[in-house]
Amino acid sequence: MIASIIIGALIFGYAAFTLFKFFKKSKQGACAHCSIKDSCQTSCSSAIKK
């Protein structure tokens, strides 16, 4: 019983942490989560589709 509660809490905690990271990155814009953002030659404003 206690093990089930602990495992459930870990799963929901990890899900909340992952959602928090996702929304934090999504607020930063398109180039914030791009894998080549450090070596990108285009400006981020042109990369964002409007």
PDB file of N, CA and C in Angstrom:
ATOM      1  N   MET A   1       0.836  -1.199   0.000  1.00  0.00           N
ATOM      2  CA  MET A   1       0.000   0.000   0.000  1.00  0.00           C
ATOM      3  C   MET A   1       0.875   1.256   0.000  1.00  0.00           C
ATOM      4  N   ILE A   2       1.831   1.306   0.898  1.00  0.00           N
ATOM      5  CA  ILE A   2       2.707   2.480   0.989  1.00  0.00           C
ATOM      6  C   ILE A   2       3.564   2.592  -0.265  1.00  0.00           C
ATOM      7  N   ALA A   3       4.015   1.437  -0.771  1.00  0.00           N
ATOM      8  CA  ALA A   3       4.842   1.447  -1.984  1.00  0.00           C
ATOM      9  C   ALA A   3       4.051   1.998  -3.166  1.00  0.00           C
ATOM     10  N   SER A   4       2.790   1.647  -3.264  1.00  0.00           N
ATOM     11  CA  SER A   4       1.943   2.149  -4.349  1.00  0.00           C
ATOM     12  C   SER A   4       1.781   3.665  -4.266  1.00  0.00           C
ATOM     13  N   ILE A   5       1.635   4.173  -3.078  1.00  0.00           N
ATOM     14  CA  ILE A   5       1.487   5.618  -2.881  1.00  0.00           C
ATOM     15  C   ILE A   5       2.779   6.336  -3.267  1.00  0.00           C
ATOM     16  N   ILE A   6       3.905   5.781  -2.870  1.00  0.00           N
ATOM     17  CA  ILE A   6       5.195   6.397  -3.197  1.00  0.00           C
ATOM     18  C   ILE A   6       5.435   6.373  -4.696  1.00  0.00           C
ATOM     19  N   ILE A   7       5.156   5.237  -5.332  1.00  0.00           N
ATOM     20  CA  ILE A   7       5.340   5.139  -6.786  1.00  0.00           C
ATOM     21  C   ILE A   7       4.399   6.103  -7.511  1.00  0.00           C
ATOM     22  N   GLY A   8       3.176   6.191  -7.070  1.00  0.00           N
ATOM     23  CA  GLY A   8       2.218   7.126  -7.668  1.00  0.00           C
ATOM     24  C   GLY A   8       2.653   8.572  -7.509  1.00  0.00           C
ATOM     25  N   ALA A   9       3.166   8.908  -6.327  1.00  0.00           N
ATOM     26  CA  ALA A   9       3.647  10.270  -6.082  1.00  0.00           C
ATOM     27  C   ALA A   9       4.846  10.587  -6.969  1.00  0.00           C
ATOM     28  N   LEU A  10       5.737   9.622  -7.157  1.00  0.00           N
ATOM     29  CA  LEU A  10       6.888   9.834  -8.040  1.00  0.00           C
ATOM     30  C   LEU A  10       6.459  10.052  -9.488  1.00  0.00           C
ATOM     31  N   ILE A  11       5.494   9.277  -9.946  1.00  0.00           N
ATOM     32  CA  ILE A  11       5.012   9.421 -11.321  1.00  0.00           C
ATOM     33  C   ILE A  11       4.361  10.785 -11.523  1.00  0.00           C
ATOM     34  N   PHE A  12       3.470  11.179 -10.623  1.00  0.00           N
ATOM     35  CA  PHE A  12       2.813  12.480 -10.762  1.00  0.00           C
ATOM     36  C   PHE A  12       3.799  13.629 -10.569  1.00  0.00           C
ATOM     37  N   GLY A  13       4.776  13.463  -9.694  1.00  0.00           N
ATOM     38  CA  GLY A  13       5.798  14.493  -9.508  1.00  0.00           C
ATOM     39  C   GLY A  13       6.633  14.691 -10.764  1.00  0.00           C
ATOM     40  N   TYR A  14       7.027  13.590 -11.393  1.00  0.00           N
ATOM     41  CA  TYR A  14       7.809  13.682 -12.624  1.00  0.00           C
ATOM     42  C   TYR A  14       6.980  14.304 -13.751  1.00  0.00           C
ATOM     43  N   ALA A  15       5.711  13.952 -13.829  1.00  0.00           N
ATOM     44  CA  ALA A  15       4.839  14.531 -14.851  1.00  0.00           C
ATOM     45  C   ALA A  15       4.701  16.043 -14.648  1.00  0.00           C
ATOM     46  N   ALA A  16       4.534  16.475 -13.424  1.00  0.00           N
ATOM     47  CA  ALA A  16       4.429  17.909 -13.139  1.00  0.00           C
ATOM     48  C   ALA A  16       5.725  18.624 -13.470  1.00  0.00           C
ATOM     49  N   PHE A  17       6.856  18.022 -13.141  1.00  0.00           N
ATOM     50  CA  PHE A  17       8.158  18.606 -13.450  1.00  0.00           C
ATOM     51  C   PHE A  17       8.357  18.734 -14.959  1.00  0.00           C
ATOM     52  N   THR A  18       7.985  17.717 -15.719  1.00  0.00           N
ATOM     53  CA  THR A  18       8.122  17.742 -17.172  1.00  0.00           C
ATOM     54  C   THR A  18       7.223  18.794 -17.794  1.00  0.00           C
ATOM     55  N   LEU A  19       6.003  18.910 -17.322  1.00  0.00           N
ATOM     56  CA  LEU A  19       5.103  19.946 -17.832  1.00  0.00           C
ATOM     57  C   LEU A  19       5.623  21.341 -17.507  1.00  0.00           C
ATOM     58  N   PHE A  20       6.168  21.520 -16.320  1.00  0.00           N
ATOM     59  CA  PHE A  20       6.732  22.805 -15.927  1.00  0.00           C
ATOM     60  C   PHE A  20       7.873  23.198 -16.862  1.00  0.00           C
ATOM     61  N   LYS A  21       8.772  22.255 -17.151  1.00  0.00           N
ATOM     62  CA  LYS A  21       9.888  22.535 -18.063  1.00  0.00           C
ATOM     63  C   LYS A  21       9.383  22.870 -19.460  1.00  0.00           C
ATOM     64  N   PHE A  22       8.370  22.142 -19.938  1.00  0.00           N
ATOM     65  CA  PHE A  22       7.816  22.382 -21.267  1.00  0.00           C
ATOM     66  C   PHE A  22       7.231  23.784 -21.379  1.00  0.00           C
ATOM     67  N   PHE A  23       6.422  24.190 -20.413  1.00  0.00           N
ATOM     68  CA  PHE A  23       5.799  25.512 -20.471  1.00  0.00           C
ATOM     69  C   PHE A  23       6.829  26.625 -20.283  1.00  0.00           C
ATOM     70  N   LYS A  24       7.852  26.381 -19.493  1.00  0.00           N
ATOM     71  CA  LYS A  24       8.902  27.374 -19.304  1.00  0.00           C
ATOM     72  C   LYS A  24       9.639  27.619 -20.621  1.00  0.00           C
ATOM     73  N   LYS A  25       9.948  26.539 -21.353  1.00  0.00           N
ATOM     74  CA  LYS A  25      10.626  26.683 -22.642  1.00  0.00           C
ATOM     75  C   LYS A  25       9.714  27.285 -23.695  1.00  0.00           C
ATOM     76  N   SER A  26       8.428  26.959 -23.664  1.00  0.00           N
ATOM     77  CA  SER A  26       7.516  27.467 -24.678  1.00  0.00           C
ATOM     78  C   SER A  26       7.296  28.971 -24.530  1.00  0.00           C
ATOM     79  N   LYS A  27       7.448  29.507 -23.327  1.00  0.00           N
ATOM     80  CA  LYS A  27       7.317  30.945 -23.125  1.00  0.00           C
ATOM     81  C   LYS A  27       8.498  31.716 -23.704  1.00  0.00           C
ATOM     82  N   GLN A  28       9.646  31.048 -23.872  1.00  0.00           N
ATOM     83  CA  GLN A  28      10.856  31.710 -24.345  1.00  0.00           C
ATOM     84  C   GLN A  28      10.873  31.895 -25.862  1.00  0.00           C
ATOM     85  N   GLY A  29       9.995  31.259 -26.585  1.00  0.00           N
ATOM     86  CA  GLY A  29       9.929  31.438 -28.025  1.00  0.00           C
ATOM     87  C   GLY A  29      10.445  30.239 -28.794  1.00  0.00           C
ATOM     88  N   ALA A  30      10.447  30.387 -30.114  1.00  0.00           N
ATOM     89  CA  ALA A  30      10.793  29.273 -30.996  1.00  0.00           C
ATOM     90  C   ALA A  30      12.270  28.906 -30.909  1.00  0.00           C
ATOM     91  N   CYS A  31      13.146  29.872 -30.792  1.00  0.00           N
ATOM     92  CA  CYS A  31      14.582  29.574 -30.804  1.00  0.00           C
ATOM     93  C   CYS A  31      15.093  29.079 -29.451  1.00  0.00           C
ATOM     94  N   ALA A  32      14.331  29.204 -28.418  1.00  0.00           N
ATOM     95  CA  ALA A  32      14.797  28.796 -27.090  1.00  0.00           C
ATOM     96  C   ALA A  32      14.975  27.292 -26.981  1.00  0.00           C
ATOM     97  N   HIS A  33      14.161  26.536 -27.688  1.00  0.00           N
ATOM     98  CA  HIS A  33      14.253  25.088 -27.578  1.00  0.00           C
ATOM     99  C   HIS A  33      14.774  24.426 -28.850  1.00  0.00           C
ATOM    100  N   CYS A  34      15.306  25.218 -29.757  1.00  0.00           N
ATOM    101  CA  CYS A  34      15.874  24.682 -30.995  1.00  0.00           C
ATOM    102  C   CYS A  34      17.218  24.012 -30.676  1.00  0.00           C
ATOM    103  N   SER A  35      17.481  22.887 -31.328  1.00  0.00           N
ATOM    104  CA  SER A  35      18.708  22.149 -31.028  1.00  0.00           C
ATOM    105  C   SER A  35      19.956  22.826 -31.583  1.00  0.00           C
ATOM    106  N   ILE A  36      19.825  23.728 -32.565  1.00  0.00           N
ATOM    107  CA  ILE A  36      20.993  24.400 -33.144  1.00  0.00           C
ATOM    108  C   ILE A  36      20.989  25.898 -32.849  1.00  0.00           C
ATOM    109  N   LYS A  37      20.375  26.289 -31.762  1.00  0.00           N
ATOM    110  CA  LYS A  37      20.228  27.711 -31.469  1.00  0.00           C
ATOM    111  C   LYS A  37      21.564  28.436 -31.314  1.00  0.00           C
ATOM    112  N   ASP A  38      22.612  27.732 -30.873  1.00  0.00           N
ATOM    113  CA  ASP A  38      23.906  28.383 -30.664  1.00  0.00           C
ATOM    114  C   ASP A  38      24.642  28.652 -31.975  1.00  0.00           C
ATOM    115  N   SER A  39      24.384  27.850 -32.993  1.00  0.00           N
ATOM    116  CA  SER A  39      25.091  28.018 -34.262  1.00  0.00           C
ATOM    117  C   SER A  39      24.163  28.431 -35.392  1.00  0.00           C
ATOM    118  N   CYS A  40      23.004  28.913 -35.075  1.00  0.00           N
ATOM    119  CA  CYS A  40      22.012  29.282 -36.085  1.00  0.00           C
ATOM    120  C   CYS A  40      22.418  30.586 -36.782  1.00  0.00           C
ATOM    121  N   GLN A  41      22.331  30.614 -38.107  1.00  0.00           N
ATOM    122  CA  GLN A  41      22.702  31.797 -38.879  1.00  0.00           C
ATOM    123  C   GLN A  41      21.509  32.708 -39.158  1.00  0.00           C
ATOM    124  N   THR A  42      20.301  32.227 -39.009  1.00  0.00           N
ATOM    125  CA  THR A  42      19.122  33.059 -39.248  1.00  0.00           C
ATOM    126  C   THR A  42      18.682  33.712 -37.954  1.00  0.00           C
ATOM    127  N   SER A  43      17.996  34.805 -38.093  1.00  0.00           N
ATOM    128  CA  SER A  43      17.478  35.449 -36.877  1.00  0.00           C
ATOM    129  C   SER A  43      16.235  34.704 -36.419  1.00  0.00           C
ATOM    130  N   CYS A  44      16.007  34.716 -35.144  1.00  0.00           N
ATOM    131  CA  CYS A  44      14.880  33.972 -34.589  1.00  0.00           C
ATOM    132  C   CYS A  44      13.544  34.544 -35.044  1.00  0.00           C
ATOM    133  N   SER A  45      13.489  35.817 -35.300  1.00  0.00           N
ATOM    134  CA  SER A  45      12.219  36.405 -35.709  1.00  0.00           C
ATOM    135  C   SER A  45      11.782  35.889 -37.064  1.00  0.00           C
ATOM    136  N   SER A  46      12.734  35.529 -37.931  1.00  0.00           N
ATOM    137  CA  SER A  46      12.347  34.987 -39.234  1.00  0.00           C
ATOM    138  C   SER A  46      12.008  33.510 -39.135  1.00  0.00           C
ATOM    139  N   ALA A  47      12.456  32.853 -38.086  1.00  0.00           N
ATOM    140  CA  ALA A  47      12.178  31.432 -37.914  1.00  0.00           C
ATOM    141  C   ALA A  47      10.791  31.187 -37.346  1.00  0.00           C
ATOM    142  N   ILE A  48      10.229  32.177 -36.685  1.00  0.00           N
ATOM    143  CA  ILE A  48       8.907  32.037 -36.081  1.00  0.00           C
ATOM    144  C   ILE A  48       7.858  32.211 -37.177  1.00  0.00           C
ATOM    145  N   LYS A  49       6.987  31.236 -37.300  1.00  0.00           N
ATOM    146  CA  LYS A  49       5.919  31.307 -38.302  1.00  0.00           C
ATOM    147  C   LYS A  49       4.750  32.071 -37.719  1.00  0.00           C
ATOM    148  N   LYS A  50       4.335  33.087 -38.424  1.00  0.00           N
ATOM    149  CA  LYS A  50       3.210  33.900 -37.936  1.00  0.00           C
ATOM    150  C   LYS A  50       1.957  33.550 -38.677  1.00  0.00           C
TER     151      LYS A  50
END
